[in-house]
């Protein structure tokens, strides 16, 4: 008989966070802890696709713990060399609107981390 985890569909959480490290060192530590926890719970990370800041921290921690990471990034940011090419899946889209729409399609839930412009507590 299969375990419930083996037959349950894949779950994904979209994490909105900064491409900077945040205004407090604790924000980076929290992003890394979240990434580890997602992997341990077999929850895929959907995020903005950058390799820098809190985005890079949560993605790298998820990968290091054996998790799945899907990034969605507009081509203008790929051109600025911030795309994370070592993640499980990277989708390059035309606009920020396309980015948010695709992230929404792929996610079962959303989580916002503090620390960046528009997400400060």
PDB file of N, CA and C in Angstrom:
ATOM      1  N   UNK A   1       0.845  -1.177   0.000  1.00  0.00           N
ATOM      2  CA  UNK A   1       0.000   0.000   0.000  1.00  0.00           C
ATOM      3  C   UNK A   1       0.888   1.236   0.000  1.00  0.00           C
ATOM      4  N   UNK A   2       0.547   2.202  -0.803  1.00  0.00           N
ATOM      5  CA  UNK A   2       1.330   3.429  -0.904  1.00  0.00           C
ATOM      6  C   UNK A   2       1.100   4.326   0.288  1.00  0.00           C
ATOM      7  N   UNK A   3       2.145   5.056   0.647  1.00  0.00           N
ATOM      8  CA  UNK A   3       2.001   6.033   1.728  1.00  0.00           C
ATOM      9  C   UNK A   3       1.256   7.246   1.188  1.00  0.00           C
ATOM     10  N   UNK A   4       0.603   8.044   2.053  1.00  0.00           N
ATOM     11  CA  UNK A   4      -0.119   9.229   1.580  1.00  0.00           C
ATOM     12  C   UNK A   4       0.768  10.191   0.793  1.00  0.00           C
ATOM     13  N   UNK A   5       2.023  10.339   1.182  1.00  0.00           N
ATOM     14  CA  UNK A   5       2.926  11.246   0.470  1.00  0.00           C
ATOM     15  C   UNK A   5       3.167  10.768  -0.961  1.00  0.00           C
ATOM     16  N   UNK A   6       3.147   9.444  -1.167  1.00  0.00           N
ATOM     17  CA  UNK A   6       3.419   8.908  -2.495  1.00  0.00           C
ATOM     18  C   UNK A   6       2.253   9.141  -3.450  1.00  0.00           C
ATOM     19  N   UNK A   7       1.033   9.263  -2.938  1.00  0.00           N
ATOM     20  CA  UNK A   7      -0.109   9.434  -3.825  1.00  0.00           C
ATOM     21  C   UNK A   7      -0.653  10.856  -3.837  1.00  0.00           C
ATOM     22  N   UNK A   8      -0.190  11.696  -2.936  1.00  0.00           N
ATOM     23  CA  UNK A   8      -0.684  13.076  -2.918  1.00  0.00           C
ATOM     24  C   UNK A   8      -0.030  13.877  -4.040  1.00  0.00           C
ATOM     25  N   UNK A   9      -0.782  14.815  -4.620  1.00  0.00           N
ATOM     26  CA  UNK A   9      -0.206  15.619  -5.701  1.00  0.00           C
ATOM     27  C   UNK A   9       0.895  16.536  -5.180  1.00  0.00           C
ATOM     28  N   UNK A  10       1.747  16.955  -6.082  1.00  0.00           N
ATOM     29  CA  UNK A  10       2.823  17.869  -5.725  1.00  0.00           C
ATOM     30  C   UNK A  10       2.246  19.196  -5.261  1.00  0.00           C
ATOM     31  N   UNK A  11       2.803  19.730  -4.199  1.00  0.00           N
ATOM     32  CA  UNK A  11       2.368  21.027  -3.685  1.00  0.00           C
ATOM     33  C   UNK A  11       3.471  22.029  -3.937  1.00  0.00           C
ATOM     34  N   UNK A  12       3.062  23.263  -4.208  1.00  0.00           N
ATOM     35  CA  UNK A  12       4.008  24.332  -4.473  1.00  0.00           C
ATOM     36  C   UNK A  12       3.583  25.598  -3.757  1.00  0.00           C
ATOM     37  N   UNK A  13       4.543  26.259  -3.147  1.00  0.00           N
ATOM     38  CA  UNK A  13       4.296  27.550  -2.517  1.00  0.00           C
ATOM     39  C   UNK A  13       5.099  28.605  -3.263  1.00  0.00           C
ATOM     40  N   UNK A  14       4.413  29.669  -3.633  1.00  0.00           N
ATOM     41  CA  UNK A  14       5.073  30.802  -4.268  1.00  0.00           C
ATOM     42  C   UNK A  14       5.525  31.757  -3.173  1.00  0.00           C
ATOM     43  N   UNK A  15       6.801  32.065  -3.166  1.00  0.00           N
ATOM     44  CA  UNK A  15       7.368  32.970  -2.170  1.00  0.00           C
ATOM     45  C   UNK A  15       7.754  34.273  -2.857  1.00  0.00           C
ATOM     46  N   UNK A  16       7.159  35.369  -2.387  1.00  0.00           N
ATOM     47  CA  UNK A  16       7.539  36.701  -2.842  1.00  0.00           C
ATOM     48  C   UNK A  16       8.556  37.244  -1.854  1.00  0.00           C
ATOM     49  N   UNK A  17       9.702  37.657  -2.349  1.00  0.00           N
ATOM     50  CA  UNK A  17      10.724  38.232  -1.482  1.00  0.00           C
ATOM     51  C   UNK A  17      11.666  39.094  -2.308  1.00  0.00           C
ATOM     52  N   UNK A  18      12.588  39.725  -1.641  1.00  0.00           N
ATOM     53  CA  UNK A  18      13.448  40.728  -2.265  1.00  0.00           C
ATOM     54  C   UNK A  18      14.625  40.127  -3.024  1.00  0.00           C
ATOM     55  N   UNK A  19      15.071  40.880  -4.010  1.00  0.00           N
ATOM     56  CA  UNK A  19      16.309  40.530  -4.705  1.00  0.00           C
ATOM     57  C   UNK A  19      17.507  41.182  -4.007  1.00  0.00           C
ATOM     58  N   UNK A  20      17.243  41.779  -2.844  1.00  0.00           N
ATOM     59  CA  UNK A  20      18.289  42.309  -1.959  1.00  0.00           C
ATOM     60  C   UNK A  20      18.262  41.464  -0.686  1.00  0.00           C
ATOM     61  N   UNK A  21      19.257  41.648   0.179  1.00  0.00           N
ATOM     62  CA  UNK A  21      19.338  40.839   1.393  1.00  0.00           C
ATOM     63  C   UNK A  21      18.426  41.298   2.514  1.00  0.00           C
ATOM     64  N   UNK A  22      17.755  42.418   2.349  1.00  0.00           N
ATOM     65  CA  UNK A  22      16.838  42.888   3.378  1.00  0.00           C
ATOM     66  C   UNK A  22      17.511  43.842   4.335  1.00  0.00           C
ATOM     67  N   UNK A  23      16.698  44.474   5.128  1.00  0.00           N
ATOM     68  CA  UNK A  23      17.190  45.500   6.037  1.00  0.00           C
ATOM     69  C   UNK A  23      17.724  44.940   7.346  1.00  0.00           C
ATOM     70  N   UNK A  24      17.481  43.668   7.611  1.00  0.00           N
ATOM     71  CA  UNK A  24      17.968  43.022   8.833  1.00  0.00           C
ATOM     72  C   UNK A  24      18.604  41.676   8.482  1.00  0.00           C
ATOM     73  N   UNK A  25      19.712  41.319   9.124  1.00  0.00           N
ATOM     74  CA  UNK A  25      20.357  40.022   8.842  1.00  0.00           C
ATOM     75  C   UNK A  25      19.420  38.828   9.084  1.00  0.00           C
ATOM     76  N   UNK A  26      18.487  38.981   9.999  1.00  0.00           N
ATOM     77  CA  UNK A  26      17.559  37.890  10.305  1.00  0.00           C
ATOM     78  C   UNK A  26      16.711  37.505   9.097  1.00  0.00           C
ATOM     79  N   UNK A  27      16.464  38.456   8.187  1.00  0.00           N
ATOM     80  CA  UNK A  27      15.640  38.158   7.020  1.00  0.00           C
ATOM     81  C   UNK A  27      16.291  37.092   6.133  1.00  0.00           C
ATOM     82  N   UNK A  28      17.593  37.177   5.962  1.00  0.00           N
ATOM     83  CA  UNK A  28      18.288  36.165   5.153  1.00  0.00           C
ATOM     84  C   UNK A  28      18.254  34.806   5.854  1.00  0.00           C
ATOM     85  N   UNK A  29      18.490  34.802   7.160  1.00  0.00           N
ATOM     86  CA  UNK A  29      18.444  33.548   7.922  1.00  0.00           C
ATOM     87  C   UNK A  29      17.056  32.914   7.841  1.00  0.00           C
ATOM     88  N   UNK A  30      16.026  33.731   7.913  1.00  0.00           N
ATOM     89  CA  UNK A  30      14.653  33.223   7.813  1.00  0.00           C
ATOM     90  C   UNK A  30      14.369  32.669   6.422  1.00  0.00           C
ATOM     91  N   UNK A  31      14.864  33.341   5.383  1.00  0.00           N
ATOM     92  CA  UNK A  31      14.673  32.858   4.014  1.00  0.00           C
ATOM     93  C   UNK A  31      15.348  31.494   3.825  1.00  0.00           C
ATOM     94  N   UNK A  32      16.542  31.350   4.371  1.00  0.00           N
ATOM     95  CA  UNK A  32      17.255  30.077   4.269  1.00  0.00           C
ATOM     96  C   UNK A  32      16.523  28.978   5.036  1.00  0.00           C
ATOM     97  N   UNK A  33      16.015  29.305   6.222  1.00  0.00           N
ATOM     98  CA  UNK A  33      15.264  28.323   7.010  1.00  0.00           C
ATOM     99  C   UNK A  33      13.992  27.912   6.277  1.00  0.00           C
ATOM    100  N   UNK A  34      13.315  28.862   5.674  1.00  0.00           N
ATOM    101  CA  UNK A  34      12.112  28.537   4.908  1.00  0.00           C
ATOM    102  C   UNK A  34      12.449  27.583   3.769  1.00  0.00           C
ATOM    103  N   UNK A  35      13.514  27.837   3.048  1.00  0.00           N
ATOM    104  CA  UNK A  35      13.909  26.955   1.953  1.00  0.00           C
ATOM    105  C   UNK A  35      14.153  25.525   2.425  1.00  0.00           C
ATOM    106  N   UNK A  36      14.851  25.390   3.542  1.00  0.00           N
ATOM    107  CA  UNK A  36      15.097  24.048   4.090  1.00  0.00           C
ATOM    108  C   UNK A  36      13.789  23.365   4.476  1.00  0.00           C
ATOM    109  N   UNK A  37      12.897  24.102   5.104  1.00  0.00           N
ATOM    110  CA  UNK A  37      11.621  23.530   5.537  1.00  0.00           C
ATOM    111  C   UNK A  37      10.748  23.111   4.352  1.00  0.00           C
ATOM    112  N   UNK A  38      10.756  23.899   3.296  1.00  0.00           N
ATOM    113  CA  UNK A  38       9.992  23.520   2.102  1.00  0.00           C
ATOM    114  C   UNK A  38      10.484  22.185   1.567  1.00  0.00           C
ATOM    115  N   UNK A  39      11.794  22.051   1.455  1.00  0.00           N
ATOM    116  CA  UNK A  39      12.364  20.797   0.943  1.00  0.00           C
ATOM    117  C   UNK A  39      12.022  19.629   1.860  1.00  0.00           C
ATOM    118  N   UNK A  40      12.147  19.825   3.161  1.00  0.00           N
ATOM    119  CA  UNK A  40      11.855  18.746   4.113  1.00  0.00           C
ATOM    120  C   UNK A  40      10.393  18.308   4.059  1.00  0.00           C
ATOM    121  N   UNK A  41       9.500  19.222   3.721  1.00  0.00           N
ATOM    122  CA  UNK A  41       8.070  18.906   3.647  1.00  0.00           C
ATOM    123  C   UNK A  41       7.640  18.513   2.237  1.00  0.00           C
ATOM    124  N   UNK A  42       8.609  18.389   1.324  1.00  0.00           N
ATOM    125  CA  UNK A  42       8.342  18.049  -0.071  1.00  0.00           C
ATOM    126  C   UNK A  42       7.386  19.045  -0.736  1.00  0.00           C
ATOM    127  N   UNK A  43       7.611  20.318  -0.441  1.00  0.00           N
ATOM    128  CA  UNK A  43       6.831  21.398  -1.038  1.00  0.00           C
ATOM    129  C   UNK A  43       7.752  22.142  -2.000  1.00  0.00           C
ATOM    130  N   UNK A  44       7.333  22.264  -3.233  1.00  0.00           N
ATOM    131  CA  UNK A  44       8.138  22.955  -4.229  1.00  0.00           C
ATOM    132  C   UNK A  44       8.101  24.458  -4.034  1.00  0.00           C
ATOM    133  N   UNK A  45       9.210  25.097  -4.339  1.00  0.00           N
ATOM    134  CA  UNK A  45       9.315  26.550  -4.269  1.00  0.00           C
ATOM    135  C   UNK A  45       9.081  27.133  -5.661  1.00  0.00           C
ATOM    136  N   UNK A  46       8.161  28.082  -5.734  1.00  0.00           N
ATOM    137  CA  UNK A  46       7.956  28.897  -6.919  1.00  0.00           C
ATOM    138  C   UNK A  46       8.394  30.297  -6.498  1.00  0.00           C
ATOM    139  N   UNK A  47       9.253  30.939  -7.283  1.00  0.00           N
ATOM    140  CA  UNK A  47       9.738  32.259  -6.881  1.00  0.00           C
ATOM    141  C   UNK A  47      10.179  33.043  -8.101  1.00  0.00           C
ATOM    142  N   UNK A  48      10.733  34.221  -7.896  1.00  0.00           N
ATOM    143  CA  UNK A  48      11.060  35.146  -8.967  1.00  0.00           C
ATOM    144  C   UNK A  48      12.256  34.829  -9.830  1.00  0.00           C
ATOM    145  N   UNK A  49      12.946  33.740  -9.580  1.00  0.00           N
ATOM    146  CA  UNK A  49      13.994  33.268 -10.477  1.00  0.00           C
ATOM    147  C   UNK A  49      15.367  33.910 -10.372  1.00  0.00           C
ATOM    148  N   UNK A  50      15.571  34.787  -9.381  1.00  0.00           N
ATOM    149  CA  UNK A  50      16.866  35.455  -9.251  1.00  0.00           C
ATOM    150  C   UNK A  50      17.822  34.638  -8.382  1.00  0.00           C
ATOM    151  N   UNK A  51      19.125  34.876  -8.600  1.00  0.00           N
ATOM    152  CA  UNK A  51      20.159  34.193  -7.800  1.00  0.00           C
ATOM    153  C   UNK A  51      20.684  35.094  -6.694  1.00  0.00           C
ATOM    154  N   UNK A  52      20.138  36.296  -6.569  1.00  0.00           N
ATOM    155  CA  UNK A  52      20.641  37.287  -5.623  1.00  0.00           C
ATOM    156  C   UNK A  52      19.629  37.556  -4.511  1.00  0.00           C
ATOM    157  N   UNK A  53      20.126  38.134  -3.419  1.00  0.00           N
ATOM    158  CA  UNK A  53      19.273  38.580  -2.320  1.00  0.00           C
ATOM    159  C   UNK A  53      18.531  37.454  -1.625  1.00  0.00           C
ATOM    160  N   UNK A  54      17.375  37.807  -1.069  1.00  0.00           N
ATOM    161  CA  UNK A  54      16.562  36.827  -0.366  1.00  0.00           C
ATOM    162  C   UNK A  54      16.032  35.767  -1.326  1.00  0.00           C
ATOM    163  N   UNK A  55      15.797  36.175  -2.574  1.00  0.00           N
ATOM    164  CA  UNK A  55      15.361  35.191  -3.578  1.00  0.00           C
ATOM    165  C   UNK A  55      16.415  34.098  -3.742  1.00  0.00           C
ATOM    166  N   UNK A  56      17.651  34.495  -3.905  1.00  0.00           N
ATOM    167  CA  UNK A  56      18.727  33.515  -4.041  1.00  0.00           C
ATOM    168  C   UNK A  56      18.893  32.680  -2.786  1.00  0.00           C
ATOM    169  N   UNK A  57      18.719  33.304  -1.626  1.00  0.00           N
ATOM    170  CA  UNK A  57      18.888  32.585  -0.353  1.00  0.00           C
ATOM    171  C   UNK A  57      17.853  31.479  -0.193  1.00  0.00           C
ATOM    172  N   UNK A  58      16.587  31.780  -0.452  1.00  0.00           N
ATOM    173  CA  UNK A  58      15.540  30.764  -0.293  1.00  0.00           C
ATOM    174  C   UNK A  58      15.704  29.670  -1.343  1.00  0.00           C
ATOM    175  N   UNK A  59      16.066  30.039  -2.573  1.00  0.00           N
ATOM    176  CA  UNK A  59      16.256  29.041  -3.626  1.00  0.00           C
ATOM    177  C   UNK A  59      17.443  28.134  -3.326  1.00  0.00           C
ATOM    178  N   UNK A  60      18.572  28.714  -2.956  1.00  0.00           N
ATOM    179  CA  UNK A  60      19.766  27.914  -2.669  1.00  0.00           C
ATOM    180  C   UNK A  60      19.549  26.969  -1.495  1.00  0.00           C
ATOM    181  N   UNK A  61      18.868  27.446  -0.465  1.00  0.00           N
ATOM    182  CA  UNK A  61      18.607  26.598   0.703  1.00  0.00           C
ATOM    183  C   UNK A  61      17.664  25.457   0.347  1.00  0.00           C
ATOM    184  N   UNK A  62      16.674  25.729  -0.488  1.00  0.00           N
ATOM    185  CA  UNK A  62      15.755  24.676  -0.926  1.00  0.00           C
ATOM    186  C   UNK A  62      16.513  23.623  -1.721  1.00  0.00           C
ATOM    187  N   UNK A  63      17.334  24.064  -2.653  1.00  0.00           N
ATOM    188  CA  UNK A  63      18.125  23.128  -3.459  1.00  0.00           C
ATOM    189  C   UNK A  63      19.088  22.314  -2.600  1.00  0.00           C
ATOM    190  N   UNK A  64      19.765  22.977  -1.678  1.00  0.00           N
ATOM    191  CA  UNK A  64      20.750  22.299  -0.826  1.00  0.00           C
ATOM    192  C   UNK A  64      20.103  21.212   0.021  1.00  0.00           C
ATOM    193  N   UNK A  65      18.820  21.394   0.346  1.00  0.00           N
ATOM    194  CA  UNK A  65      18.105  20.402   1.155  1.00  0.00           C
ATOM    195  C   UNK A  65      17.389  19.375   0.276  1.00  0.00           C
ATOM    196  N   UNK A  66      17.632  19.410  -1.032  1.00  0.00           N
ATOM    197  CA  UNK A  66      17.068  18.410  -1.931  1.00  0.00           C
ATOM    198  C   UNK A  66      15.700  18.755  -2.491  1.00  0.00           C
ATOM    199  N   UNK A  67      15.299  20.016  -2.400  1.00  0.00           N
ATOM    200  CA  UNK A  67      13.976  20.415  -2.856  1.00  0.00           C
ATOM    201  C   UNK A  67      13.925  20.830  -4.314  1.00  0.00           C
ATOM    202  N   UNK A  68      12.683  21.062  -4.771  1.00  0.00           N
ATOM    203  CA  UNK A  68      12.415  21.503  -6.141  1.00  0.00           C
ATOM    204  C   UNK A  68      12.235  23.013  -6.163  1.00  0.00           C
ATOM    205  N   UNK A  69      12.844  23.661  -7.142  1.00  0.00           N
ATOM    206  CA  UNK A  69      12.781  25.121  -7.256  1.00  0.00           C
ATOM    207  C   UNK A  69      12.424  25.510  -8.684  1.00  0.00           C
ATOM    208  N   UNK A  70      11.347  26.266  -8.809  1.00  0.00           N
ATOM    209  CA  UNK A  70      10.916  26.785 -10.102  1.00  0.00           C
ATOM    210  C   UNK A  70      10.963  28.298 -10.055  1.00  0.00           C
ATOM    211  N   UNK A  71      11.727  28.881 -10.958  1.00  0.00           N
ATOM    212  CA  UNK A  71      11.840  30.331 -11.040  1.00  0.00           C
ATOM    213  C   UNK A  71      11.133  30.873 -12.265  1.00  0.00           C
ATOM    214  N   UNK A  72      10.598  32.082 -12.122  1.00  0.00           N
ATOM    215  CA  UNK A  72       9.943  32.773 -13.230  1.00  0.00           C
ATOM    216  C   UNK A  72      10.529  34.179 -13.272  1.00  0.00           C
ATOM    217  N   UNK A  73      11.172  34.514 -14.379  1.00  0.00           N
ATOM    218  CA  UNK A  73      11.890  35.776 -14.453  1.00  0.00           C
ATOM    219  C   UNK A  73      11.679  36.429 -15.819  1.00  0.00           C
ATOM    220  N   UNK A  74      11.464  37.742 -15.841  1.00  0.00           N
ATOM    221  CA  UNK A  74      11.353  38.418 -17.139  1.00  0.00           C
ATOM    222  C   UNK A  74      12.711  38.520 -17.829  1.00  0.00           C
ATOM    223  N   UNK A  75      12.696  38.479 -19.155  1.00  0.00           N
ATOM    224  CA  UNK A  75      13.954  38.461 -19.910  1.00  0.00           C
ATOM    225  C   UNK A  75      14.839  39.668 -19.609  1.00  0.00           C
ATOM    226  N   UNK A  76      14.255  40.808 -19.246  1.00  0.00           N
ATOM    227  CA  UNK A  76      15.075  41.987 -18.945  1.00  0.00           C
ATOM    228  C   UNK A  76      15.996  41.722 -17.743  1.00  0.00           C
ATOM    229  N   UNK A  77      15.532  40.923 -16.796  1.00  0.00           N
ATOM    230  CA  UNK A  77      16.372  40.599 -15.639  1.00  0.00           C
ATOM    231  C   UNK A  77      17.384  39.509 -15.974  1.00  0.00           C
ATOM    232  N   UNK A  78      17.062  38.637 -16.891  1.00  0.00           N
ATOM    233  CA  UNK A  78      18.042  37.654 -17.362  1.00  0.00           C
ATOM    234  C   UNK A  78      19.197  38.409 -18.014  1.00  0.00           C
ATOM    235  N   UNK A  79      18.832  39.427 -18.805  1.00  0.00           N
ATOM    236  CA  UNK A  79      19.848  40.238 -19.485  1.00  0.00           C
ATOM    237  C   UNK A  79      20.751  40.971 -18.496  1.00  0.00           C
ATOM    238  N   UNK A  80      20.239  41.249 -17.293  1.00  0.00           N
ATOM    239  CA  UNK A  80      21.039  41.918 -16.258  1.00  0.00           C
ATOM    240  C   UNK A  80      21.858  40.913 -15.452  1.00  0.00           C
ATOM    241  N   UNK A  81      21.826  39.644 -15.867  1.00  0.00           N
ATOM    242  CA  UNK A  81      22.613  38.568 -15.273  1.00  0.00           C
ATOM    243  C   UNK A  81      22.259  38.255 -13.824  1.00  0.00           C
ATOM    244  N   UNK A  82      20.966  38.314 -13.487  1.00  0.00           N
ATOM    245  CA  UNK A  82      20.561  37.932 -12.136  1.00  0.00           C
ATOM    246  C   UNK A  82      19.784  36.615 -12.110  1.00  0.00           C
ATOM    247  N   UNK A  83      19.535  36.003 -13.266  1.00  0.00           N
ATOM    248  CA  UNK A  83      18.784  34.743 -13.303  1.00  0.00           C
ATOM    249  C   UNK A  83      19.584  33.621 -12.648  1.00  0.00           C
ATOM    250  N   UNK A  84      18.878  32.757 -11.955  1.00  0.00           N
ATOM    251  CA  UNK A  84      19.484  31.606 -11.279  1.00  0.00           C
ATOM    252  C   UNK A  84      19.366  30.403 -12.215  1.00  0.00           C
ATOM    253  N   UNK A  85      20.436  30.057 -12.887  1.00  0.00           N
ATOM    254  CA  UNK A  85      20.404  28.994 -13.889  1.00  0.00           C
ATOM    255  C   UNK A  85      20.624  27.596 -13.299  1.00  0.00           C
ATOM    256  N   UNK A  86      20.865  27.485 -12.000  1.00  0.00           N
ATOM    257  CA  UNK A  86      21.104  26.172 -11.388  1.00  0.00           C
ATOM    258  C   UNK A  86      19.866  25.606 -10.710  1.00  0.00           C
ATOM    259  N   UNK A  87      18.702  26.228 -10.879  1.00  0.00           N
ATOM    260  CA  UNK A  87      17.483  25.733 -10.241  1.00  0.00           C
ATOM    261  C   UNK A  87      16.859  24.613 -11.071  1.00  0.00           C
ATOM    262  N   UNK A  88      15.852  23.968 -10.511  1.00  0.00           N
ATOM    263  CA  UNK A  88      15.208  22.833 -11.165  1.00  0.00           C
ATOM    264  C   UNK A  88      14.589  23.223 -12.496  1.00  0.00           C
ATOM    265  N   UNK A  89      13.915  24.361 -12.510  1.00  0.00           N
ATOM    266  CA  UNK A  89      13.181  24.813 -13.692  1.00  0.00           C
ATOM    267  C   UNK A  89      13.226  26.338 -13.742  1.00  0.00           C
ATOM    268  N   UNK A  90      13.542  26.918 -14.890  1.00  0.00           N
ATOM    269  CA  UNK A  90      13.561  28.373 -15.032  1.00  0.00           C
ATOM    270  C   UNK A  90      12.718  28.760 -16.237  1.00  0.00           C
ATOM    271  N   UNK A  91      11.702  29.579 -15.981  1.00  0.00           N
ATOM    272  CA  UNK A  91      10.830  30.078 -17.043  1.00  0.00           C
ATOM    273  C   UNK A  91      11.182  31.541 -17.287  1.00  0.00           C
ATOM    274  N   UNK A  92      11.482  31.867 -18.529  1.00  0.00           N
ATOM    275  CA  UNK A  92      11.784  33.248 -18.898  1.00  0.00           C
ATOM    276  C   UNK A  92      10.560  33.794 -19.635  1.00  0.00           C
ATOM    277  N   UNK A  93      10.028  34.896 -19.111  1.00  0.00           N
ATOM    278  CA  UNK A  93       8.805  35.488 -19.646  1.00  0.00           C
ATOM    279  C   UNK A  93       9.084  36.901 -20.150  1.00  0.00           C
ATOM    280  N   UNK A  94       8.098  37.484 -20.824  1.00  0.00           N
ATOM    281  CA  UNK A  94       8.286  38.814 -21.409  1.00  0.00           C
ATOM    282  C   UNK A  94       8.201  39.943 -20.388  1.00  0.00           C
ATOM    283  N   UNK A  95       7.208  39.916 -19.528  1.00  0.00           N
ATOM    284  CA  UNK A  95       6.946  41.060 -18.660  1.00  0.00           C
ATOM    285  C   UNK A  95       6.784  40.648 -17.203  1.00  0.00           C
ATOM    286  N   UNK A  96       6.790  41.659 -16.323  1.00  0.00           N
ATOM    287  CA  UNK A  96       6.530  41.406 -14.899  1.00  0.00           C
ATOM    288  C   UNK A  96       5.109  40.867 -14.711  1.00  0.00           C
ATOM    289  N   UNK A  97       4.170  41.348 -15.501  1.00  0.00           N
ATOM    290  CA  UNK A  97       2.797  40.840 -15.422  1.00  0.00           C
ATOM    291  C   UNK A  97       2.763  39.354 -15.768  1.00  0.00           C
ATOM    292  N   UNK A  98       3.468  38.972 -16.837  1.00  0.00           N
ATOM    293  CA  UNK A  98       3.544  37.558 -17.208  1.00  0.00           C
ATOM    294  C   UNK A  98       4.181  36.735 -16.092  1.00  0.00           C
ATOM    295  N   UNK A  99       5.173  37.326 -15.447  1.00  0.00           N
ATOM    296  CA  UNK A  99       5.857  36.644 -14.340  1.00  0.00           C
ATOM    297  C   UNK A  99       4.874  36.315 -13.228  1.00  0.00           C
ATOM    298  N   UNK A 100       4.129  37.312 -12.784  1.00  0.00           N
ATOM    299  CA  UNK A 100       3.177  37.104 -11.691  1.00  0.00           C
ATOM    300  C   UNK A 100       2.067  36.146 -12.093  1.00  0.00           C
ATOM    301  N   UNK A 101       1.599  36.234 -13.327  1.00  0.00           N
ATOM    302  CA  UNK A 101       0.537  35.337 -13.790  1.00  0.00           C
ATOM    303  C   UNK A 101       1.006  33.879 -13.781  1.00  0.00           C
ATOM    304  N   UNK A 102       2.201  33.616 -14.275  1.00  0.00           N
ATOM    305  CA  UNK A 102       2.713  32.244 -14.312  1.00  0.00           C
ATOM    306  C   UNK A 102       2.989  31.726 -12.905  1.00  0.00           C
ATOM    307  N   UNK A 103       3.527  32.583 -12.052  1.00  0.00           N
ATOM    308  CA  UNK A 103       3.754  32.171 -10.665  1.00  0.00           C
ATOM    309  C   UNK A 103       2.422  31.788 -10.018  1.00  0.00           C
ATOM    310  N   UNK A 104       1.381  32.563 -10.289  1.00  0.00           N
ATOM    311  CA  UNK A 104       0.064  32.269  -9.746  1.00  0.00           C
ATOM    312  C   UNK A 104      -0.502  30.959 -10.262  1.00  0.00           C
ATOM    313  N   UNK A 105      -0.270  30.663 -11.529  1.00  0.00           N
ATOM    314  CA  UNK A 105      -0.752  29.410 -12.113  1.00  0.00           C
ATOM    315  C   UNK A 105      -0.080  28.198 -11.483  1.00  0.00           C
ATOM    316  N   UNK A 106       1.183  28.326 -11.150  1.00  0.00           N
ATOM    317  CA  UNK A 106       1.957  27.192 -10.653  1.00  0.00           C
ATOM    318  C   UNK A 106       1.830  26.973  -9.146  1.00  0.00           C
ATOM    319  N   UNK A 107       1.344  27.974  -8.421  1.00  0.00           N
ATOM    320  CA  UNK A 107       1.347  27.909  -6.956  1.00  0.00           C
ATOM    321  C   UNK A 107       0.013  27.438  -6.383  1.00  0.00           C
ATOM    322  N   UNK A 108       0.118  26.728  -5.258  1.00  0.00           N
ATOM    323  CA  UNK A 108      -1.057  26.337  -4.486  1.00  0.00           C
ATOM    324  C   UNK A 108      -1.310  27.324  -3.349  1.00  0.00           C
ATOM    325  N   UNK A 109      -0.278  28.062  -2.968  1.00  0.00           N
ATOM    326  CA  UNK A 109      -0.380  29.031  -1.873  1.00  0.00           C
ATOM    327  C   UNK A 109       0.723  30.070  -2.063  1.00  0.00           C
ATOM    328  N   UNK A 110       0.605  31.166  -1.329  1.00  0.00           N
ATOM    329  CA  UNK A 110       1.572  32.264  -1.434  1.00  0.00           C
ATOM    330  C   UNK A 110       2.083  32.635  -0.056  1.00  0.00           C
ATOM    331  N   UNK A 111       3.338  33.045  -0.016  1.00  0.00           N
ATOM    332  CA  UNK A 111       3.964  33.491   1.215  1.00  0.00           C
ATOM    333  C   UNK A 111       4.822  34.699   0.875  1.00  0.00           C
ATOM    334  N   UNK A 112       4.766  35.728   1.686  1.00  0.00           N
ATOM    335  CA  UNK A 112       5.548  36.933   1.452  1.00  0.00           C
ATOM    336  C   UNK A 112       6.539  37.091   2.592  1.00  0.00           C
ATOM    337  N   UNK A 113       7.818  37.212   2.242  1.00  0.00           N
ATOM    338  CA  UNK A 113       8.853  37.440   3.247  1.00  0.00           C
ATOM    339  C   UNK A 113       9.122  38.938   3.367  1.00  0.00           C
ATOM    340  N   UNK A 114       9.343  39.424   4.573  1.00  0.00           N
ATOM    341  CA  UNK A 114       9.689  40.846   4.740  1.00  0.00           C
ATOM    342  C   UNK A 114      11.132  41.094   4.306  1.00  0.00           C
ATOM    343  N   UNK A 115      11.433  42.379   4.120  1.00  0.00           N
ATOM    344  CA  UNK A 115      12.820  42.724   3.884  1.00  0.00           C
ATOM    345  C   UNK A 115      13.090  43.533   2.649  1.00  0.00           C
ATOM    346  N   UNK A 116      12.210  43.527   1.692  1.00  0.00           N
ATOM    347  CA  UNK A 116      12.448  44.266   0.472  1.00  0.00           C
ATOM    348  C   UNK A 116      11.450  45.386   0.291  1.00  0.00           C
ATOM    349  N   UNK A 117      11.638  46.170  -0.732  1.00  0.00           N
ATOM    350  CA  UNK A 117      10.733  47.265  -1.046  1.00  0.00           C
ATOM    351  C   UNK A 117       9.317  46.723  -1.190  1.00  0.00           C
ATOM    352  N   UNK A 118       8.394  47.302  -0.439  1.00  0.00           N
ATOM    353  CA  UNK A 118       7.011  46.861  -0.509  1.00  0.00           C
ATOM    354  C   UNK A 118       6.685  45.703   0.394  1.00  0.00           C
ATOM    355  N   UNK A 119       7.670  45.055   1.011  1.00  0.00           N
ATOM    356  CA  UNK A 119       7.407  43.947   1.905  1.00  0.00           C
ATOM    357  C   UNK A 119       7.969  44.182   3.296  1.00  0.00           C
ATOM    358  N   UNK A 120       8.302  45.426   3.607  1.00  0.00           N
ATOM    359  CA  UNK A 120       8.845  45.730   4.940  1.00  0.00           C
ATOM    360  C   UNK A 120       7.742  45.637   5.991  1.00  0.00           C
ATOM    361  N   UNK A 121       8.065  45.094   7.177  1.00  0.00           N
ATOM    362  CA  UNK A 121       7.051  44.986   8.227  1.00  0.00           C
ATOM    363  C   UNK A 121       6.715  46.359   8.801  1.00  0.00           C
TER     364      UNK A 121
END
